[in-house]
């Protein structure tokens, strides 16, 4: 972390140019990760896409295994739980 603190402009330039993260250490142990903002946003976007794909995969698995109910039944049960008019 000391090297980062003393040479932060160099690190920021490296982040921007390489688009790769750098692990910062304290006493030889990982303490933080530095990364360019656009590279980090791409990582977040990939994670979001993976989450959507996994949700779809699970839904298809539930459908194939018969773990589904008609939407009308689900909404009816929710209305009954919360005592809402149908």
N, C-alpha and C. Protein backbone atom coordinates (compact mmCIF):
# COMPACT_ATOMS: atom_id res chain seq x y z
N UNK A 1 0.82 -1.19 0.00
CA UNK A 1 0.00 0.00 0.00
C UNK A 1 0.87 1.26 0.00
N UNK A 2 2.03 1.17 0.62
CA UNK A 2 2.92 2.34 0.66
C UNK A 2 3.35 2.73 -0.74
N UNK A 3 3.70 1.74 -1.55
CA UNK A 3 4.12 2.01 -2.93
C UNK A 3 2.97 2.64 -3.69
N UNK A 4 1.77 2.13 -3.51
CA UNK A 4 0.60 2.71 -4.17
C UNK A 4 0.40 4.16 -3.74
N UNK A 5 0.47 4.39 -2.45
CA UNK A 5 0.27 5.75 -1.93
C UNK A 5 1.31 6.71 -2.52
N UNK A 6 2.55 6.27 -2.61
CA UNK A 6 3.62 7.14 -3.10
C UNK A 6 3.65 7.28 -4.62
N UNK A 7 3.03 6.35 -5.33
CA UNK A 7 3.07 6.36 -6.79
C UNK A 7 1.68 6.15 -7.39
N UNK A 8 0.68 6.76 -6.81
CA UNK A 8 -0.70 6.51 -7.23
C UNK A 8 -0.94 6.91 -8.69
N UNK A 9 -0.34 7.99 -9.15
CA UNK A 9 -0.54 8.41 -10.55
C UNK A 9 -0.03 7.34 -11.51
N UNK A 10 1.08 6.72 -11.18
CA UNK A 10 1.63 5.64 -12.02
C UNK A 10 0.67 4.46 -12.04
N UNK A 11 0.13 4.11 -10.88
CA UNK A 11 -0.81 3.00 -10.80
C UNK A 11 -2.08 3.32 -11.61
N UNK A 12 -2.59 4.52 -11.48
CA UNK A 12 -3.80 4.90 -12.22
C UNK A 12 -3.56 4.82 -13.72
N UNK A 13 -2.40 5.24 -14.17
CA UNK A 13 -2.05 5.14 -15.59
C UNK A 13 -2.00 3.66 -16.01
N UNK A 14 -1.40 2.83 -15.16
CA UNK A 14 -1.32 1.39 -15.44
C UNK A 14 -2.72 0.78 -15.53
N UNK A 15 -3.60 1.14 -14.61
CA UNK A 15 -4.98 0.62 -14.64
C UNK A 15 -5.64 0.98 -15.97
N UNK A 16 -5.52 2.24 -16.35
CA UNK A 16 -6.15 2.74 -17.57
C UNK A 16 -5.58 2.04 -18.81
N UNK A 17 -4.27 1.91 -18.87
CA UNK A 17 -3.62 1.35 -20.06
C UNK A 17 -3.82 -0.15 -20.21
N UNK A 18 -3.78 -0.89 -19.10
CA UNK A 18 -3.85 -2.35 -19.20
C UNK A 18 -5.25 -2.90 -19.01
N UNK A 19 -6.13 -2.13 -18.35
CA UNK A 19 -7.49 -2.59 -18.03
C UNK A 19 -7.46 -3.84 -17.15
N UNK A 20 -6.35 -4.06 -16.46
CA UNK A 20 -6.21 -5.25 -15.61
C UNK A 20 -6.11 -4.82 -14.15
N UNK A 21 -6.67 -5.60 -13.25
CA UNK A 21 -6.59 -5.27 -11.82
C UNK A 21 -5.20 -5.53 -11.26
N UNK A 22 -4.89 -4.84 -10.17
CA UNK A 22 -3.63 -5.02 -9.46
C UNK A 22 -3.96 -5.30 -8.00
N UNK A 23 -3.38 -6.35 -7.45
CA UNK A 23 -3.58 -6.67 -6.03
C UNK A 23 -2.57 -5.89 -5.22
N UNK A 24 -3.06 -5.11 -4.28
CA UNK A 24 -2.21 -4.33 -3.39
C UNK A 24 -2.05 -5.11 -2.09
N UNK A 25 -0.85 -5.13 -1.56
CA UNK A 25 -0.57 -5.94 -0.38
C UNK A 25 -0.10 -5.08 0.80
N UNK A 26 -0.27 -5.64 1.97
CA UNK A 26 0.28 -5.08 3.21
C UNK A 26 1.03 -6.22 3.88
N UNK A 27 2.30 -6.03 4.07
CA UNK A 27 3.15 -7.08 4.65
C UNK A 27 3.03 -8.40 3.89
N UNK A 28 2.95 -8.30 2.57
CA UNK A 28 2.92 -9.49 1.73
C UNK A 28 1.57 -10.18 1.62
N UNK A 29 0.54 -9.61 2.24
CA UNK A 29 -0.79 -10.21 2.18
C UNK A 29 -1.73 -9.30 1.40
N UNK A 30 -2.58 -9.89 0.57
CA UNK A 30 -3.52 -9.11 -0.22
C UNK A 30 -4.40 -8.26 0.69
N UNK A 31 -4.50 -6.97 0.36
CA UNK A 31 -5.29 -6.06 1.18
C UNK A 31 -6.38 -5.35 0.37
N UNK A 32 -6.12 -5.15 -0.93
CA UNK A 32 -7.08 -4.44 -1.77
C UNK A 32 -6.77 -4.75 -3.22
N UNK A 33 -7.74 -4.43 -4.08
CA UNK A 33 -7.55 -4.59 -5.51
C UNK A 33 -7.84 -3.25 -6.16
N UNK A 34 -6.93 -2.80 -7.00
CA UNK A 34 -7.12 -1.56 -7.75
C UNK A 34 -7.43 -1.90 -9.19
N UNK A 35 -8.39 -1.16 -9.77
CA UNK A 35 -8.81 -1.47 -11.13
C UNK A 35 -9.39 -0.22 -11.78
N UNK A 36 -9.25 -0.10 -13.08
CA UNK A 36 -9.83 0.98 -13.84
C UNK A 36 -11.36 0.92 -13.73
N UNK A 37 -12.01 2.05 -13.67
CA UNK A 37 -13.47 2.09 -13.48
C UNK A 37 -14.21 1.40 -14.62
N UNK A 38 -13.78 1.59 -15.87
CA UNK A 38 -14.49 0.95 -16.98
C UNK A 38 -14.31 -0.56 -16.96
N UNK A 39 -13.14 -1.04 -16.57
CA UNK A 39 -12.92 -2.49 -16.45
C UNK A 39 -13.79 -3.06 -15.33
N UNK A 40 -13.92 -2.31 -14.25
CA UNK A 40 -14.77 -2.75 -13.14
C UNK A 40 -16.23 -2.81 -13.58
N UNK A 41 -16.68 -1.82 -14.35
CA UNK A 41 -18.06 -1.82 -14.84
C UNK A 41 -18.31 -3.02 -15.74
N UNK A 42 -17.34 -3.35 -16.59
CA UNK A 42 -17.48 -4.55 -17.44
C UNK A 42 -17.63 -5.80 -16.58
N UNK A 43 -16.86 -5.87 -15.48
CA UNK A 43 -16.96 -7.00 -14.57
C UNK A 43 -18.36 -7.08 -13.95
N UNK A 44 -18.90 -5.93 -13.54
CA UNK A 44 -20.26 -5.90 -12.99
C UNK A 44 -21.29 -6.34 -14.02
N UNK A 45 -21.11 -5.89 -15.27
CA UNK A 45 -22.03 -6.27 -16.33
C UNK A 45 -22.00 -7.77 -16.59
N UNK A 46 -20.81 -8.35 -16.59
CA UNK A 46 -20.68 -9.80 -16.78
C UNK A 46 -21.35 -10.56 -15.64
N UNK A 47 -21.18 -10.08 -14.43
CA UNK A 47 -21.81 -10.73 -13.27
C UNK A 47 -23.33 -10.67 -13.39
N UNK A 48 -23.85 -9.53 -13.83
CA UNK A 48 -25.30 -9.39 -13.99
C UNK A 48 -25.83 -10.34 -15.06
N UNK A 49 -25.11 -10.44 -16.18
CA UNK A 49 -25.52 -11.36 -17.24
C UNK A 49 -25.50 -12.80 -16.74
N UNK A 50 -24.47 -13.15 -15.99
CA UNK A 50 -24.37 -14.51 -15.46
C UNK A 50 -25.52 -14.79 -14.51
N UNK A 51 -25.91 -13.81 -13.73
CA UNK A 51 -27.01 -13.97 -12.79
C UNK A 51 -28.33 -14.22 -13.54
N UNK A 52 -28.54 -13.47 -14.61
CA UNK A 52 -29.76 -13.65 -15.42
C UNK A 52 -29.75 -15.04 -16.05
N UNK A 53 -28.61 -15.43 -16.62
CA UNK A 53 -28.51 -16.74 -17.27
C UNK A 53 -28.76 -17.86 -16.26
N UNK A 54 -28.24 -17.71 -15.05
CA UNK A 54 -28.44 -18.73 -14.02
C UNK A 54 -29.91 -18.79 -13.62
N UNK A 55 -30.56 -17.66 -13.51
CA UNK A 55 -31.99 -17.64 -13.18
C UNK A 55 -32.81 -18.36 -14.23
N UNK A 56 -32.48 -18.12 -15.49
CA UNK A 56 -33.19 -18.79 -16.58
C UNK A 56 -32.92 -20.29 -16.53
N UNK A 57 -31.67 -20.68 -16.29
CA UNK A 57 -31.33 -22.10 -16.20
C UNK A 57 -32.12 -22.77 -15.09
N UNK A 58 -32.20 -22.13 -13.93
CA UNK A 58 -32.95 -22.70 -12.81
C UNK A 58 -34.43 -22.79 -13.12
N UNK A 59 -34.97 -21.79 -13.78
CA UNK A 59 -36.38 -21.81 -14.16
C UNK A 59 -36.69 -22.95 -15.11
N UNK A 60 -35.82 -23.15 -16.07
CA UNK A 60 -36.02 -24.25 -17.02
C UNK A 60 -35.91 -25.60 -16.31
N UNK A 61 -35.00 -25.68 -15.36
CA UNK A 61 -34.86 -26.92 -14.59
C UNK A 61 -36.13 -27.19 -13.77
N UNK A 62 -36.66 -26.14 -13.14
CA UNK A 62 -37.92 -26.29 -12.38
C UNK A 62 -39.06 -26.72 -13.29
N UNK A 63 -39.14 -26.14 -14.47
CA UNK A 63 -40.18 -26.49 -15.42
C UNK A 63 -40.07 -27.96 -15.81
N UNK A 64 -38.87 -28.40 -16.13
CA UNK A 64 -38.65 -29.80 -16.53
C UNK A 64 -38.97 -30.77 -15.40
N UNK A 65 -38.75 -30.35 -14.15
CA UNK A 65 -38.98 -31.22 -12.99
C UNK A 65 -40.41 -31.10 -12.47
N UNK A 66 -41.23 -30.26 -13.12
CA UNK A 66 -42.61 -30.12 -12.69
C UNK A 66 -42.79 -29.28 -11.44
N UNK A 67 -41.82 -28.47 -11.10
CA UNK A 67 -41.92 -27.61 -9.91
C UNK A 67 -42.48 -26.24 -10.30
N UNK A 68 -43.67 -26.25 -10.88
CA UNK A 68 -44.29 -25.00 -11.31
C UNK A 68 -45.75 -24.98 -10.87
N UNK A 69 -46.32 -23.77 -10.87
CA UNK A 69 -47.75 -23.59 -10.61
C UNK A 69 -48.24 -22.52 -11.57
N UNK A 70 -49.49 -22.58 -11.95
CA UNK A 70 -50.03 -21.53 -12.82
C UNK A 70 -49.96 -20.17 -12.11
N UNK A 71 -49.73 -19.13 -12.89
CA UNK A 71 -49.62 -17.78 -12.32
C UNK A 71 -50.88 -17.38 -11.56
N UNK A 72 -52.04 -17.75 -12.07
CA UNK A 72 -53.30 -17.40 -11.38
C UNK A 72 -53.31 -17.98 -9.97
N UNK A 73 -52.81 -19.19 -9.82
CA UNK A 73 -52.79 -19.82 -8.49
C UNK A 73 -51.82 -19.09 -7.57
N UNK A 74 -50.68 -18.72 -8.10
CA UNK A 74 -49.69 -18.00 -7.29
C UNK A 74 -50.24 -16.65 -6.84
N UNK A 75 -50.81 -15.90 -7.80
CA UNK A 75 -51.35 -14.58 -7.44
C UNK A 75 -52.54 -14.71 -6.50
N UNK A 76 -53.34 -15.73 -6.69
CA UNK A 76 -54.46 -15.96 -5.78
C UNK A 76 -53.97 -16.24 -4.36
N UNK A 77 -52.92 -17.04 -4.23
CA UNK A 77 -52.37 -17.34 -2.91
C UNK A 77 -51.78 -16.08 -2.27
N UNK A 78 -51.12 -15.25 -3.07
CA UNK A 78 -50.57 -14.00 -2.52
C UNK A 78 -51.69 -13.06 -2.07
N UNK A 79 -52.76 -12.97 -2.87
CA UNK A 79 -53.88 -12.13 -2.46
C UNK A 79 -54.49 -12.63 -1.16
N UNK A 80 -54.64 -13.94 -1.04
CA UNK A 80 -55.23 -14.52 0.17
C UNK A 80 -54.34 -14.27 1.38
N UNK A 81 -53.04 -14.39 1.20
CA UNK A 81 -52.10 -14.13 2.33
C UNK A 81 -52.21 -12.72 2.85
N UNK A 82 -52.35 -11.77 1.92
CA UNK A 82 -52.38 -10.36 2.30
C UNK A 82 -53.79 -9.79 2.37
N UNK A 83 -54.78 -10.66 2.26
CA UNK A 83 -56.18 -10.27 2.32
C UNK A 83 -56.50 -9.15 1.35
N UNK A 84 -56.06 -9.32 0.11
CA UNK A 84 -56.31 -8.35 -0.96
C UNK A 84 -57.48 -8.80 -1.81
N UNK A 85 -58.22 -7.86 -2.36
CA UNK A 85 -59.35 -8.25 -3.24
C UNK A 85 -58.83 -8.88 -4.53
N UNK A 86 -59.60 -9.80 -5.08
CA UNK A 86 -59.21 -10.51 -6.28
C UNK A 86 -59.71 -9.85 -7.48
